PDB file of N, CA and C in Angstrom:
ATOM      1  N   MET A   1       6.646  -3.669   7.523  1.00  0.00           N
ATOM      2  CA  MET A   1       8.062  -4.318   7.091  1.00  0.00           C
ATOM      3  C   MET A   1       8.520  -3.527   5.723  1.00  0.00           C
ATOM      4  N   PHE A   2       9.778  -3.331   5.766  1.00  0.00           N
ATOM      5  CA  PHE A   2      10.215  -2.722   4.795  1.00  0.00           C
ATOM      6  C   PHE A   2      10.642  -3.683   3.747  1.00  0.00           C
ATOM      7  N   THR A   3      10.363  -3.401   2.351  1.00  0.00           N
ATOM      8  CA  THR A   3      10.722  -4.367   1.357  1.00  0.00           C
ATOM      9  C   THR A   3      12.274  -4.548   1.363  1.00  0.00           C
ATOM     10  N   GLU A   4      12.998  -3.566   1.383  1.00  0.00           N
ATOM     11  CA  GLU A   4      14.444  -3.724   1.462  1.00  0.00           C
ATOM     12  C   GLU A   4      15.037  -4.623   2.564  1.00  0.00           C
ATOM     13  N   ASP A   5      14.499  -4.673   3.750  1.00  0.00           N
ATOM     14  CA  ASP A   5      14.703  -5.519   4.796  1.00  0.00           C
ATOM     15  C   ASP A   5      14.451  -7.007   4.441  1.00  0.00           C
ATOM     16  N   ALA A   6      13.331  -7.006   3.806  1.00  0.00           N
ATOM     17  CA  ALA A   6      12.834  -8.456   3.438  1.00  0.00           C
ATOM     18  C   ALA A   6      13.598  -9.136   2.183  1.00  0.00           C
ATOM     19  N   VAL A   7      14.055  -8.327   1.354  1.00  0.00           N
ATOM     20  CA  VAL A   7      14.858  -8.746   0.296  1.00  0.00           C
ATOM     21  C   VAL A   7      16.278  -9.076   0.780  1.00  0.00           C
ATOM     22  N   ARG A   8      16.878  -8.372   1.501  1.00  0.00           N
ATOM     23  CA  ARG A   8      18.150  -8.727   2.305  1.00  0.00           C
ATOM     24  C   ARG A   8      18.035  -9.901   3.177  1.00  0.00           C
ATOM     25  N   PHE A   9      17.053 -10.078   3.921  1.00  0.00           N
ATOM     26  CA  PHE A   9      16.913 -11.242   4.513  1.00  0.00           C
ATOM     27  C   PHE A   9      16.875 -12.650   3.542  1.00  0.00           C
ATOM     28  N   PHE A  10      15.878 -12.706   2.746  1.00  0.00           N
ATOM     29  CA  PHE A  10      15.805 -13.814   1.686  1.00  0.00           C
ATOM     30  C   PHE A  10      16.942 -13.947   0.765  1.00  0.00           C
ATOM     31  N   GLY A  11      17.630 -12.732   0.342  1.00  0.00           N
ATOM     32  CA  GLY A  11      18.524 -12.803  -0.600  1.00  0.00           C
ATOM     33  C   GLY A  11      18.403 -12.408  -1.867  1.00  0.00           C
ATOM     34  N   SER A  12      17.265 -12.454  -2.150  1.00  0.00           N
ATOM     35  CA  SER A  12      16.795 -11.888  -3.577  1.00  0.00           C
ATOM     36  C   SER A  12      15.445 -11.647  -3.620  1.00  0.00           C
ATOM     37  N   LYS A  13      15.070 -11.040  -4.684  1.00  0.00           N
ATOM     38  CA  LYS A  13      13.517 -10.650  -4.884  1.00  0.00           C
ATOM     39  C   LYS A  13      12.960 -11.948  -5.220  1.00  0.00           C
ATOM     40  N   THR A  14      13.424 -12.924  -6.178  1.00  0.00           N
ATOM     41  CA  THR A  14      12.764 -14.115  -6.427  1.00  0.00           C
ATOM     42  C   THR A  14      12.653 -15.010  -5.129  1.00  0.00           C
ATOM     43  N   LYS A  15      13.682 -15.163  -4.392  1.00  0.00           N
ATOM     44  CA  LYS A  15      13.489 -15.961  -3.120  1.00  0.00           C
ATOM     45  C   LYS A  15      12.391 -15.302  -2.265  1.00  0.00           C
ATOM     46  N   LEU A  16      12.354 -13.825  -2.174  1.00  0.00           N
ATOM     47  CA  LEU A  16      11.432 -13.339  -1.405  1.00  0.00           C
ATOM     48  C   LEU A  16       9.990 -13.772  -1.908  1.00  0.00           C
ATOM     49  N   ALA A  17       9.679 -13.452  -3.213  1.00  0.00           N
ATOM     50  CA  ALA A  17       8.542 -13.824  -3.928  1.00  0.00           C
ATOM     51  C   ALA A  17       8.140 -15.118  -3.617  1.00  0.00           C
ATOM     52  N   LEU A  18       8.861 -16.225  -3.657  1.00  0.00           N
ATOM     53  CA  LEU A  18       8.770 -17.736  -3.382  1.00  0.00           C
ATOM     54  C   LEU A  18       8.369 -17.712  -1.768  1.00  0.00           C
ATOM     55  N   ALA A  19       8.903 -17.137  -0.915  1.00  0.00           N
ATOM     56  CA  ALA A  19       8.578 -17.165   0.556  1.00  0.00           C
ATOM     57  C   ALA A  19       7.320 -16.453   0.822  1.00  0.00           C
ATOM     58  N   ALA A  20       6.979 -15.539   0.168  1.00  0.00           N
ATOM     59  CA  ALA A  20       5.621 -14.785   0.416  1.00  0.00           C
ATOM     60  C   ALA A  20       4.464 -15.637  -0.474  1.00  0.00           C
ATOM     61  N   GLY A  21       4.972 -16.385  -1.407  1.00  0.00           N
ATOM     62  CA  GLY A  21       3.789 -16.999  -2.322  1.00  0.00           C
ATOM     63  C   GLY A  21       3.112 -16.010  -3.240  1.00  0.00           C
ATOM     64  N   VAL A  22       4.027 -15.109  -3.830  1.00  0.00           N
ATOM     65  CA  VAL A  22       3.537 -14.143  -4.753  1.00  0.00           C
ATOM     66  C   VAL A  22       4.446 -14.140  -6.036  1.00  0.00           C
ATOM     67  N   SER A  23       3.995 -13.371  -6.900  1.00  0.00           N
ATOM     68  CA  SER A  23       4.839 -13.302  -8.170  1.00  0.00           C
ATOM     69  C   SER A  23       5.938 -12.315  -8.097  1.00  0.00           C
ATOM     70  N   GLN A  24       6.983 -12.368  -8.943  1.00  0.00           N
ATOM     71  CA  GLN A  24       8.103 -11.605  -8.940  1.00  0.00           C
ATOM     72  C   GLN A  24       7.599 -10.136  -9.089  1.00  0.00           C
ATOM     73  N   ALA A  25       6.589 -10.071 -10.015  1.00  0.00           N
ATOM     74  CA  ALA A  25       6.128  -8.648 -10.313  1.00  0.00           C
ATOM     75  C   ALA A  25       5.496  -8.015  -9.052  1.00  0.00           C
ATOM     76  N   ALA A  26       4.821  -8.839  -8.221  1.00  0.00           N
ATOM     77  CA  ALA A  26       4.302  -8.288  -7.015  1.00  0.00           C
ATOM     78  C   ALA A  26       5.392  -7.740  -6.112  1.00  0.00           C
ATOM     79  N   VAL A  27       6.533  -8.411  -6.127  1.00  0.00           N
ATOM     80  CA  VAL A  27       7.719  -7.886  -5.230  1.00  0.00           C
ATOM     81  C   VAL A  27       8.194  -6.675  -5.727  1.00  0.00           C
ATOM     82  N   SER A  28       8.035  -6.498  -7.231  1.00  0.00           N
ATOM     83  CA  SER A  28       8.796  -5.418  -7.867  1.00  0.00           C
ATOM     84  C   SER A  28       7.844  -4.086  -7.585  1.00  0.00           C
ATOM     85  N   ARG A  29       6.483  -4.294  -7.474  1.00  0.00           N
ATOM     86  CA  ARG A  29       5.595  -3.382  -6.961  1.00  0.00           C
ATOM     87  C   ARG A  29       5.959  -2.793  -5.500  1.00  0.00           C
ATOM     88  N   TRP A  30       6.256  -3.929  -4.700  1.00  0.00           N
ATOM     89  CA  TRP A  30       6.540  -3.555  -3.306  1.00  0.00           C
ATOM     90  C   TRP A  30       7.711  -2.636  -3.260  1.00  0.00           C
ATOM     91  N   THR A  31       8.830  -3.021  -4.137  1.00  0.00           N
ATOM     92  CA  THR A  31      10.048  -2.273  -4.097  1.00  0.00           C
ATOM     93  C   THR A  31       9.829  -0.800  -4.263  1.00  0.00           C
ATOM     94  N   LYS A  32       8.934  -0.641  -5.210  1.00  0.00           N
ATOM     95  CA  LYS A  32       8.635   0.963  -5.701  1.00  0.00           C
ATOM     96  C   LYS A  32       7.927   1.497  -4.410  1.00  0.00           C
ATOM     97  N   GLU A  33       6.927   0.812  -3.847  1.00  0.00           N
ATOM     98  CA  GLU A  33       6.136   1.365  -2.764  1.00  0.00           C
ATOM     99  C   GLU A  33       7.164   1.552  -1.410  1.00  0.00           C
ATOM    100  N   GLY A  34       8.045   0.515  -1.351  1.00  0.00           N
ATOM    101  CA  GLY A  34       8.870   0.476  -0.084  1.00  0.00           C
ATOM    102  C   GLY A  34       8.632  -0.261   1.098  1.00  0.00           C
ATOM    103  N   VAL A  35       7.232  -0.904   1.017  1.00  0.00           N
ATOM    104  CA  VAL A  35       6.730  -1.474   1.983  1.00  0.00           C
ATOM    105  C   VAL A  35       5.979  -2.864   1.529  1.00  0.00           C
ATOM    106  N   VAL A  36       6.050  -4.023   2.112  1.00  0.00           N
ATOM    107  CA  VAL A  36       5.501  -5.216   1.914  1.00  0.00           C
ATOM    108  C   VAL A  36       4.142  -5.123   2.580  1.00  0.00           C
ATOM    109  N   PRO A  37       3.181  -5.500   1.589  1.00  0.00           N
ATOM    110  CA  PRO A  37       1.710  -5.368   2.072  1.00  0.00           C
ATOM    111  C   PRO A  37       1.570  -6.141   3.414  1.00  0.00           C
ATOM    112  N   MET A  38       0.517  -5.774   4.196  1.00  0.00           N
ATOM    113  CA  MET A  38       0.275  -6.432   5.557  1.00  0.00           C
ATOM    114  C   MET A  38       0.164  -7.927   5.441  1.00  0.00           C
ATOM    115  N   GLY A  39      -0.733  -8.406   4.515  1.00  0.00           N
ATOM    116  CA  GLY A  39      -0.757  -9.964   4.559  1.00  0.00           C
ATOM    117  C   GLY A  39       0.441 -10.600   4.284  1.00  0.00           C
ATOM    118  N   SER A  40       1.295 -10.056   3.371  1.00  0.00           N
ATOM    119  CA  SER A  40       2.636 -10.835   3.178  1.00  0.00           C
ATOM    120  C   SER A  40       3.541 -10.637   4.063  1.00  0.00           C
ATOM    121  N   ALA A  41       3.531  -9.465   4.801  1.00  0.00           N
ATOM    122  CA  ALA A  41       4.432  -9.120   5.990  1.00  0.00           C
ATOM    123  C   ALA A  41       4.135 -10.104   7.057  1.00  0.00           C
ATOM    124  N   ALA A  42       2.860 -10.574   7.239  1.00  0.00           N
ATOM    125  CA  ALA A  42       2.508 -11.509   8.330  1.00  0.00           C
ATOM    126  C   ALA A  42       3.201 -12.904   7.919  1.00  0.00           C
ATOM    127  N   ILE A  43       3.237 -13.282   6.693  1.00  0.00           N
ATOM    128  CA  ILE A  43       3.523 -14.560   6.078  1.00  0.00           C
ATOM    129  C   ILE A  43       5.181 -14.447   6.194  1.00  0.00           C
ATOM    130  N   LEU A  44       5.731 -13.511   5.914  1.00  0.00           N
ATOM    131  CA  LEU A  44       7.158 -13.524   5.936  1.00  0.00           C
ATOM    132  C   LEU A  44       7.663 -13.453   7.240  1.00  0.00           C
ATOM    133  N   SER A  45       7.037 -12.761   8.220  1.00  0.00           N
ATOM    134  CA  SER A  45       7.602 -12.829   9.690  1.00  0.00           C
ATOM    135  C   SER A  45       7.605 -14.362  10.075  1.00  0.00           C
ATOM    136  N   GLY A  46       6.592 -15.174   9.734  1.00  0.00           N
ATOM    137  CA  GLY A  46       6.807 -16.650  10.077  1.00  0.00           C
ATOM    138  C   GLY A  46       7.765 -17.268   9.345  1.00  0.00           C
ATOM    139  N   ALA A  47       7.773 -17.028   8.018  1.00  0.00           N
ATOM    140  CA  ALA A  47       8.885 -17.581   7.069  1.00  0.00           C
ATOM    141  C   ALA A  47      10.334 -17.187   7.638  1.00  0.00           C
ATOM    142  N   SER A  48      10.674 -16.216   8.382  1.00  0.00           N
ATOM    143  CA  SER A  48      11.931 -15.764   8.747  1.00  0.00           C
ATOM    144  C   SER A  48      11.948 -16.204  10.215  1.00  0.00           C
ATOM    145  N   ASN A  49      11.071 -16.890  10.872  1.00  0.00           N
ATOM    146  CA  ASN A  49      11.013 -17.473  12.239  1.00  0.00           C
ATOM    147  C   ASN A  49      11.179 -16.052  13.071  1.00  0.00           C
ATOM    148  N   GLY A  50      10.399 -14.980  12.733  1.00  0.00           N
ATOM    149  CA  GLY A  50      10.282 -13.805  13.663  1.00  0.00           C
ATOM    150  C   GLY A  50      11.607 -12.919  13.516  1.00  0.00           C
ATOM    151  N   VAL A  51      12.537 -13.187  12.754  1.00  0.00           N
ATOM    152  CA  VAL A  51      13.560 -12.213  12.432  1.00  0.00           C
ATOM    153  C   VAL A  51      13.027 -10.958  11.778  1.00  0.00           C
ATOM    154  N   LEU A  52      12.184 -11.033  10.529  1.00  0.00           N
ATOM    155  CA  LEU A  52      11.322  -9.992  10.099  1.00  0.00           C
ATOM    156  C   LEU A  52      10.253  -9.876  11.119  1.00  0.00           C
ATOM    157  N   LYS A  53      10.040  -8.578  11.372  1.00  0.00           N
ATOM    158  CA  LYS A  53       8.876  -8.459  12.417  1.00  0.00           C
ATOM    159  C   LYS A  53       7.800  -7.870  11.622  1.00  0.00           C
ATOM    160  N   PHE A  54       6.545  -8.164  11.999  1.00  0.00           N
ATOM    161  CA  PHE A  54       5.251  -7.808  11.636  1.00  0.00           C
ATOM    162  C   PHE A  54       4.597  -7.108  12.805  1.00  0.00           C
ATOM    163  N   ASP A  55       4.591  -5.745  12.446  1.00  0.00           N
ATOM    164  CA  ASP A  55       3.924  -4.801  13.397  1.00  0.00           C
ATOM    165  C   ASP A  55       2.579  -4.329  12.777  1.00  0.00           C
ATOM    166  N   SER A  56       1.578  -4.626  13.325  1.00  0.00           N
ATOM    167  CA  SER A  56       0.236  -4.061  12.908  1.00  0.00           C
ATOM    168  C   SER A  56       0.087  -2.607  13.208  1.00  0.00           C
ATOM    169  N   ASP A  57       0.666  -2.051  14.126  1.00  0.00           N
ATOM    170  CA  ASP A  57       0.464  -0.552  14.237  1.00  0.00           C
ATOM    171  C   ASP A  57       1.409   0.038  13.141  1.00  0.00           C
ATOM    172  N   PHE A  58       2.278  -0.333  12.733  1.00  0.00           N
ATOM    173  CA  PHE A  58       3.135   0.164  11.352  1.00  0.00           C
ATOM    174  C   PHE A  58       1.985   0.340  10.254  1.00  0.00           C
ATOM    175  N   TYR A  59       1.169  -0.677  10.047  1.00  0.00           N
ATOM    176  CA  TYR A  59       0.439  -0.895   8.801  1.00  0.00           C
ATOM    177  C   TYR A  59      -0.826   0.106   9.223  1.00  0.00           C
ATOM    178  N   LYS A  60      -1.127   0.287  10.513  1.00  0.00           N
ATOM    179  CA  LYS A  60      -2.235   1.157  10.907  1.00  0.00           C
ATOM    180  C   LYS A  60      -1.910   2.653  10.671  1.00  0.00           C
ATOM    181  N   SER A  61      -0.661   2.988  10.833  1.00  0.00           N
ATOM    182  CA  SER A  61       0.023   4.335  10.671  1.00  0.00           C
ATOM    183  C   SER A  61      -0.098   4.711   9.253  1.00  0.00           C
ATOM    184  N   ILE A  62       0.180   3.573   8.316  1.00  0.00           N
ATOM    185  CA  ILE A  62       0.403   3.867   6.954  1.00  0.00           C
ATOM    186  C   ILE A  62      -1.067   4.109   6.465  1.00  0.00           C
ATOM    187  N   LYS A  63      -2.145   3.320   6.848  1.00  0.00           N
ATOM    188  CA  LYS A  63      -3.273   3.432   6.465  1.00  0.00           C
ATOM    189  C   LYS A  63      -3.881   4.997   6.710  1.00  0.00           C
ATOM    190  N   LEU A  64      -3.548   5.187   7.906  1.00  0.00           N
ATOM    191  CA  LEU A  64      -4.070   6.719   8.324  1.00  0.00           C
ATOM    192  C   LEU A  64      -3.497   7.768   7.515  1.00  0.00           C
ATOM    193  N   ALA A  65      -2.167   7.530   7.263  1.00  0.00           N
ATOM    194  CA  ALA A  65      -1.529   8.578   6.504  1.00  0.00           C
ATOM    195  C   ALA A  65      -1.896   8.707   4.947  1.00  0.00           C
ATOM    196  N   ARG A  66      -2.315   7.501   4.459  1.00  0.00           N
ATOM    197  CA  ARG A  66      -2.879   7.395   3.118  1.00  0.00           C
ATOM    198  C   ARG A  66      -4.174   8.165   3.182  1.00  0.00           C
ATOM    199  N   LEU A  67      -5.181   7.781   4.145  1.00  0.00           N
ATOM    200  CA  LEU A  67      -6.380   8.290   4.082  1.00  0.00           C
ATOM    201  C   LEU A  67      -6.344   9.887   4.236  1.00  0.00           C
ATOM    202  N   ALA A  68      -5.392  10.425   5.236  1.00  0.00           N
ATOM    203  CA  ALA A  68      -5.121  11.871   5.288  1.00  0.00           C
ATOM    204  C   ALA A  68      -4.822  12.447   3.905  1.00  0.00           C
ATOM    205  N   GLN A  69      -3.986  11.784   3.332  1.00  0.00           N
ATOM    206  CA  GLN A  69      -3.432  12.281   2.036  1.00  0.00           C
ATOM    207  C   GLN A  69      -4.652  12.518   0.921  1.00  0.00           C
ATOM    208  N   ARG A  70      -5.363  11.318   0.885  1.00  0.00           N
ATOM    209  CA  ARG A  70      -6.523  11.493   0.031  1.00  0.00           C
ATOM    210  C   ARG A  70      -7.468  12.463   0.402  1.00  0.00           C
ATOM    211  N   LYS A  71      -7.725  12.860   1.503  1.00  0.00           N
ATOM    212  CA  LYS A  71      -8.611  13.766   1.915  1.00  0.00           C
ATOM    213  C   LYS A  71      -7.984  15.222   1.808  1.00  0.00           C
ATOM    214  N   ARG A  72      -6.675  15.417   1.876  1.00  0.00           N
ATOM    215  CA  ARG A  72      -6.259  16.680   1.525  1.00  0.00           C
ATOM    216  C   ARG A  72      -6.300  16.969   0.004  1.00  0.00           C
ATOM    217  N   ASN A  73      -6.131  15.673  -0.696  1.00  0.00           N
ATOM    218  CA  ASN A  73      -6.113  15.781  -2.271  1.00  0.00           C
ATOM    219  C   ASN A  73      -7.557  16.107  -2.700  1.00  0.00           C
ATOM    220  N   ARG A  74      -8.496  15.603  -2.044  1.00  0.00           N
ATOM    221  CA  ARG A  74      -9.879  15.939  -2.401  1.00  0.00           C
ATOM    222  C   ARG A  74     -10.474  17.313  -2.074  1.00  0.00           C
ATOM    223  N   LYS A  75      -9.653  18.104  -1.323  1.00  0.00           N
ATOM    224  CA  LYS A  75     -10.467  19.233  -0.925  1.00  0.00           C
ATOM    225  C   LYS A  75     -10.534  20.134  -2.272  1.00  0.00           C
ATOM    226  N   GLY A  76     -11.963  20.712  -2.273  1.00  0.00           N
ATOM    227  CA  GLY A  76     -12.187  21.600  -3.519  1.00  0.00           C
ATOM    228  C   GLY A  76     -12.513  20.736  -4.834  1.00  0.00           C
ATOM    229  N   VAL A  77     -12.437  19.469  -4.663  1.00  0.00           N
ATOM    230  CA  VAL A  77     -12.691  18.494  -5.809  1.00  0.00           C
ATOM    231  C   VAL A  77     -14.064  18.170  -5.683  1.00  0.00           C
ATOM    232  N   LEU A  78     -14.903  18.153  -6.918  1.00  0.00           N
ATOM    233  CA  LEU A  78     -16.300  17.762  -7.033  1.00  0.00           C
ATOM    234  C   LEU A  78     -16.528  16.317  -6.536  1.00  0.00           C
ATOM    235  N   ILE A  79     -17.564  16.119  -5.853  1.00  0.00           N
ATOM    236  CA  ILE A  79     -18.026  14.702  -5.495  1.00  0.00           C
ATOM    237  C   ILE A  79     -18.603  13.988  -6.580  1.00  0.00           C
ATOM    238  N   ASN A  80     -19.294  14.601  -7.444  1.00  0.00           N
ATOM    239  CA  ASN A  80     -19.915  13.711  -8.433  1.00  0.00           C
ATOM    240  C   ASN A  80     -20.160  14.722  -9.614  1.00  0.00           C
ATOM    241  N   GLU A  81     -20.653  13.911 -10.740  1.00  0.00           N
ATOM    242  CA  GLU A  81     -20.801  14.854 -12.091  1.00  0.00           C
ATOM    243  C   GLU A  81     -22.187  15.623 -11.796  1.00  0.00           C
ATOM    244  N   ASN A  82     -23.293  15.448 -10.853  1.00  0.00           N
ATOM    245  CA  ASN A  82     -24.217  16.193 -10.726  1.00  0.00           C
ATOM    246  C   ASN A  82     -23.926  17.642  -9.992  1.00  0.00           C
ATOM    247  N   GLN A  83     -22.918  17.656  -9.256  1.00  0.00           N
ATOM    248  CA  GLN A  83     -22.602  18.938  -8.667  1.00  0.00           C
ATOM    249  C   GLN A  83     -22.063  19.724  -9.804  1.00  0.00           C
ATOM    250  N   HIS A  84     -21.261  19.303 -10.695  1.00  0.00           N
ATOM    251  CA  HIS A  84     -20.830  19.930 -11.778  1.00  0.00           C
ATOM    252  C   HIS A  84     -21.762  20.758 -12.461  1.00  0.00           C
ATOM    253  N   GLY A  85     -22.853  19.919 -12.904  1.00  0.00           N
ATOM    254  CA  GLY A  85     -24.048  20.271 -13.677  1.00  0.00           C
ATOM    255  C   GLY A  85     -24.862  21.445 -12.868  1.00  0.00           C
ATOM    256  N   ARG A  86     -24.895  21.383 -11.520  1.00  0.00           N
ATOM    257  CA  ARG A  86     -25.571  22.409 -10.910  1.00  0.00           C
ATOM    258  C   ARG A  86     -24.859  23.716 -10.894  1.00  0.00           C
ATOM    259  N   GLU A  87     -23.467  23.564 -10.516  1.00  0.00           N
ATOM    260  CA  GLU A  87     -22.707  24.841 -10.580  1.00  0.00           C
ATOM    261  C   GLU A  87     -22.588  25.578 -11.890  1.00  0.00           C
ATOM    262  N   GLN A  88     -22.499  24.825 -12.989  1.00  0.00           N
ATOM    263  CA  GLN A  88     -22.221  25.379 -14.222  1.00  0.00           C
ATOM    264  C   GLN A  88     -23.343  25.575 -15.077  1.00  0.00           C
ATOM    265  N   GLY A  89     -24.391  24.704 -14.597  1.00  0.00           N
ATOM    266  CA  GLY A  89     -25.670  24.510 -15.485  1.00  0.00           C
ATOM    267  C   GLY A  89     -26.634  25.677 -15.237  1.00  0.00           C
ATOM    268  N   ALA A  90     -26.493  26.960 -15.290  1.00  0.00           N
ATOM    269  CA  ALA A  90     -27.380  28.075 -15.135  1.00  0.00           C
ATOM    270  C   ALA A  90     -28.435  27.843 -16.219  1.00  0.00           C
ATOM    271  N   ASP A  91     -28.162  27.299 -17.184  1.00  0.00           N
ATOM    272  CA  ASP A  91     -29.131  27.160 -18.411  1.00  0.00           C
ATOM    273  C   ASP A  91     -30.023  25.904 -18.210  1.00  0.00           C
ATOM    274  N   ARG A  92     -29.723  25.055 -17.233  1.00  0.00           N
ATOM    275  CA  ARG A  92     -30.485  23.768 -17.013  1.00  0.00           C
ATOM    276  C   ARG A  92     -31.831  24.223 -16.181  1.00  0.00           C
ATOM    277  N   PRO A  93     -32.818  23.625 -16.394  1.00  0.00           N
ATOM    278  CA  PRO A  93     -34.086  23.902 -15.465  1.00  0.00           C
ATOM    279  C   PRO A  93     -33.697  23.284 -14.025  1.00  0.00           C
TER     280      PRO A  93
END
């Protein structure tokens, strides 16, 4: 569920926060991310009598995309500080 759609349906970020049972600050974070978190999306789907749709496949695809991005970002990155010591620490026993 896109945040913009939820705000449009409820009329304001304040009303959206009340319907979802979260703070206005949380809704502001959603606005930056563009997507309502999965748990809140399920609540808002019920609060909108199904007008706003909760699609679990949508959230699965987001999760998979984020995992793939993390994996790409980690390529060539050291896993822990001990590896750094082995690579650079020729002077260590």
